[in-house]
């Protein structure tokens, strides 16, 4: 996917891609990490040489408030321990924008800080919301010194009211190409813990 495509077509393609991931049967996933509250699965990505990760857990709040803390905006930096900076560089409309953000280094410096430039799109999904994104080639956004420019293939978060419990079911799909000279095994080792910590940090800030 590239930013040169018509924005309307790009967001439609992004939404349809995330829905196709969400429609995959359970036997097409392999468990990568499991805790009491969160499960992470993975399968080979069709976009690049790494994995597409799926993660799911219960979050004790409404879909609208949860997504407000996930999508681009001031709430995100309040709680996401991995994200170190975020700027909205282009607001397209109320539901779409282009953002640049950086992430902290991981695994004791083995994975250096990364920078991403993503098109973000939030829309309704059944009784809840879908917030999704994909990296774009925006040449007007220069690279930050000291950070490697990574690439997010189609990613997103489905959030709907939980059927039998208080709160919402949050299901995410992540496939990040970190680039740079790091072994894929290091990426895989970090991803499971990163996704579990995402839920832990999110639940904590929503209780404040």
Protein backbone atom coordinates (compact mmCIF):
# COMPACT_ATOMS: atom_id res chain seq x y z
CA UNK A 1 0.00 0.00 0.00
CA UNK A 2 1.25 3.49 -0.77
CA UNK A 3 0.21 7.05 -0.03
CA UNK A 4 -0.01 7.86 -3.72
CA UNK A 5 -3.22 5.88 -3.97
CA UNK A 6 -6.48 7.77 -3.66
CA UNK A 7 -7.10 8.19 0.08
CA UNK A 8 -10.67 6.94 -0.14
CA UNK A 9 -9.58 3.80 -1.97
CA UNK A 10 -6.70 3.29 0.45
CA UNK A 11 -8.87 3.46 3.55
CA UNK A 12 -11.49 1.16 2.00
CA UNK A 13 -8.76 -1.36 1.15
CA UNK A 14 -7.33 -1.06 4.66
CA UNK A 15 -10.71 -1.63 6.31
CA UNK A 16 -11.48 -4.64 4.10
CA UNK A 17 -8.06 -6.14 4.80
CA UNK A 18 -8.57 -5.92 8.57
CA UNK A 19 -12.04 -7.46 8.30
CA UNK A 20 -10.56 -10.33 6.29
CA UNK A 21 -8.05 -10.98 9.11
CA UNK A 22 -10.88 -10.84 11.64
CA UNK A 23 -12.78 -13.46 9.64
CA UNK A 24 -10.02 -16.08 9.69
CA UNK A 25 -10.88 -19.35 11.42
CA UNK A 26 -9.22 -20.21 14.73
CA UNK A 27 -7.32 -23.15 13.22
CA UNK A 28 -5.38 -20.72 11.02
CA UNK A 29 -3.63 -19.24 14.07
CA UNK A 30 -0.92 -20.59 16.36
CA UNK A 31 -0.70 -19.47 20.00
CA UNK A 32 2.43 -17.34 20.56
CA UNK A 33 1.83 -16.23 24.16
CA UNK A 34 -0.94 -16.66 26.71
CA UNK A 35 -1.59 -15.03 30.07
CA UNK A 36 -4.64 -15.10 32.33
CA UNK A 37 -6.14 -12.07 30.61
CA UNK A 38 -4.62 -11.88 27.11
CA UNK A 39 -3.90 -14.34 24.30
CA UNK A 40 -1.54 -13.68 21.40
CA UNK A 41 -1.59 -15.76 18.22
CA UNK A 42 0.44 -15.53 15.02
CA UNK A 43 0.47 -16.74 11.43
CA UNK A 44 2.78 -16.01 8.48
CA UNK A 45 2.04 -12.59 7.02
CA UNK A 46 0.98 -12.32 3.39
CA UNK A 47 2.50 -8.83 3.26
CA UNK A 48 6.14 -9.49 4.22
CA UNK A 49 8.51 -12.16 5.50
CA UNK A 50 7.44 -11.88 9.17
CA UNK A 51 4.28 -12.70 11.12
CA UNK A 52 0.78 -11.32 11.42
CA UNK A 53 -0.06 -11.24 15.14
CA UNK A 54 -3.54 -11.42 16.61
CA UNK A 55 -4.15 -10.48 20.24
CA UNK A 56 -7.34 -10.47 22.27
CA UNK A 57 -8.40 -9.56 25.78
CA UNK A 58 -11.09 -7.92 27.89
CA UNK A 59 -10.81 -4.20 28.64
CA UNK A 60 -13.01 -2.73 31.38
CA UNK A 61 -14.54 0.23 29.56
CA UNK A 62 -16.74 1.19 26.61
CA UNK A 63 -15.55 0.80 22.99
CA UNK A 64 -15.66 4.56 22.34
CA UNK A 65 -13.47 5.44 25.33
CA UNK A 66 -11.04 2.59 24.65
CA UNK A 67 -10.57 3.61 21.03
CA UNK A 68 -10.06 7.23 22.12
CA UNK A 69 -7.02 6.00 24.04
CA UNK A 70 -5.72 3.92 21.10
CA UNK A 71 -6.12 6.14 18.04
CA UNK A 72 -3.86 9.14 17.34
CA UNK A 73 -4.31 11.93 19.86
CA UNK A 74 -3.14 13.21 23.23
CA UNK A 75 -4.53 10.22 25.16
CA UNK A 76 -2.17 7.74 23.50
CA UNK A 77 1.05 9.19 24.88
CA UNK A 78 -0.37 9.18 28.42
CA UNK A 79 -0.14 5.42 28.78
CA UNK A 80 1.66 3.64 25.90
CA UNK A 81 5.08 2.90 27.42
CA UNK A 82 6.54 1.94 24.04
CA UNK A 83 5.61 5.16 22.24
CA UNK A 84 7.99 8.07 22.89
CA UNK A 85 6.61 10.74 20.53
CA UNK A 86 3.66 11.28 18.20
CA UNK A 87 2.73 14.08 15.81
CA UNK A 88 -0.30 14.35 13.54
CA UNK A 89 1.27 15.69 10.34
CA UNK A 90 -1.87 15.79 8.19
CA UNK A 91 -5.54 15.76 9.24
CA UNK A 92 -7.56 14.49 6.28
CA UNK A 93 -10.99 14.52 7.94
CA UNK A 94 -12.58 13.60 11.28
CA UNK A 95 -11.83 9.89 10.87
CA UNK A 96 -8.50 9.94 8.99
CA UNK A 97 -5.08 11.44 9.55
CA UNK A 98 -1.41 10.83 8.88
CA UNK A 99 0.77 10.56 11.97
CA UNK A 100 4.45 10.17 12.71
CA UNK A 101 5.50 8.41 15.89
CA UNK A 102 8.59 6.88 17.44
CA UNK A 103 9.00 3.86 19.67
CA UNK A 104 11.56 3.16 22.35
CA UNK A 105 14.41 0.68 21.94
CA UNK A 106 13.76 -2.86 23.15
CA UNK A 107 15.61 -5.96 24.33
CA UNK A 108 18.36 -4.02 26.15
CA UNK A 109 19.22 -2.00 23.05
CA UNK A 110 19.25 -4.88 20.55
CA UNK A 111 16.26 -3.26 18.84
CA UNK A 112 16.99 0.46 18.43
CA UNK A 113 14.25 3.15 18.38
CA UNK A 114 11.92 3.01 15.39
CA UNK A 115 9.93 5.69 13.58
CA UNK A 116 6.71 5.16 11.61
CA UNK A 117 4.57 7.36 9.34
CA UNK A 118 1.06 5.88 9.24
CA UNK A 119 -2.31 6.64 7.74
CA UNK A 120 -4.82 6.13 10.58
CA UNK A 121 -8.53 5.47 10.05
CA UNK A 122 -11.31 4.97 12.60
CA UNK A 123 -14.77 3.75 11.66
CA UNK A 124 -17.78 1.96 13.10
CA UNK A 125 -17.80 -1.84 13.20
CA UNK A 126 -20.96 -3.74 14.18
CA UNK A 127 -21.81 -2.48 17.69
CA UNK A 128 -18.35 -1.03 18.25
CA UNK A 129 -15.42 0.55 16.48
CA UNK A 130 -12.41 -0.33 14.32
CA UNK A 131 -9.26 1.79 14.45
CA UNK A 132 -6.72 0.77 11.85
CA UNK A 133 -3.60 2.00 10.13
CA UNK A 134 -0.90 1.33 7.55
CA UNK A 135 2.45 2.95 6.91
CA UNK A 136 2.65 5.32 3.93
CA UNK A 137 5.48 6.69 1.84
CA UNK A 138 5.22 10.39 2.61
CA UNK A 139 8.42 12.00 1.34
CA UNK A 140 7.53 15.31 3.00
CA UNK A 141 8.13 13.76 6.43
CA UNK A 142 11.86 13.59 7.07
CA UNK A 143 13.43 10.84 9.16
CA UNK A 144 14.30 11.53 12.79
CA UNK A 145 18.02 11.25 13.67
CA UNK A 146 18.82 8.12 15.65
CA UNK A 147 15.68 6.19 14.64
CA UNK A 148 15.23 3.56 11.93
CA UNK A 149 12.16 4.08 9.69
CA UNK A 150 10.00 0.99 10.10
CA UNK A 151 6.87 -0.03 8.22
CA UNK A 152 3.49 -1.13 9.55
CA UNK A 153 1.63 -3.38 7.17
CA UNK A 154 -2.18 -3.28 7.71
CA UNK A 155 -2.82 -3.24 11.47
CA UNK A 156 -5.90 -2.49 13.54
CA UNK A 157 -8.01 -2.84 16.67
CA UNK A 158 -11.61 -4.08 16.78
CA UNK A 159 -13.44 -3.09 19.94
CA UNK A 160 -16.99 -4.29 20.67
CA UNK A 161 -19.04 -4.69 23.86
CA UNK A 162 -18.35 -8.02 25.59
CA UNK A 163 -21.32 -10.38 25.40
CA UNK A 164 -21.24 -11.94 28.86
CA UNK A 165 -18.93 -9.68 30.86
CA UNK A 166 -18.66 -6.05 31.89
CA UNK A 167 -16.39 -4.20 29.50
CA UNK A 168 -15.34 -4.61 25.87
CA UNK A 169 -13.57 -7.25 23.83
CA UNK A 170 -10.49 -5.73 22.20
CA UNK A 171 -8.96 -7.69 19.30
CA UNK A 172 -5.84 -6.43 17.57
CA UNK A 173 -3.91 -7.36 14.43
CA UNK A 174 -0.29 -6.25 14.14
CA UNK A 175 2.35 -6.90 11.46
CA UNK A 176 5.29 -4.59 11.86
CA UNK A 177 8.40 -4.66 9.68
CA UNK A 178 11.03 -3.12 11.92
CA UNK A 179 13.72 -3.09 9.20
CA UNK A 180 17.34 -2.52 10.07
CA UNK A 181 19.78 -5.31 10.86
CA UNK A 182 18.04 -7.32 13.55
CA UNK A 183 17.29 -11.07 13.57
CA UNK A 184 13.65 -12.04 13.10
CA UNK A 185 13.92 -14.20 16.23
CA UNK A 186 14.54 -11.05 18.29
CA UNK A 187 11.46 -9.40 16.80
CA UNK A 188 9.33 -12.46 17.59
CA UNK A 189 10.66 -12.64 21.15
CA UNK A 190 9.73 -9.02 21.81
CA UNK A 191 6.32 -8.98 20.12
CA UNK A 192 4.42 -11.30 22.49
CA UNK A 193 5.43 -9.37 25.61
CA UNK A 194 4.84 -6.02 23.89
CA UNK A 195 1.25 -6.93 23.02
CA UNK A 196 0.47 -8.27 26.50
CA UNK A 197 1.92 -5.10 28.07
CA UNK A 198 -0.28 -3.04 25.74
CA UNK A 199 -3.40 -4.43 27.47
CA UNK A 200 -1.90 -4.07 30.94
CA UNK A 201 -1.01 -0.41 30.40
CA UNK A 202 -4.33 0.37 28.71
CA UNK A 203 -6.42 -1.16 31.51
CA UNK A 204 -4.36 0.71 34.07
CA UNK A 205 -4.87 4.16 32.54
CA UNK A 206 -8.59 3.57 32.01
CA UNK A 207 -8.99 2.88 35.75
CA UNK A 208 -7.39 6.20 36.72
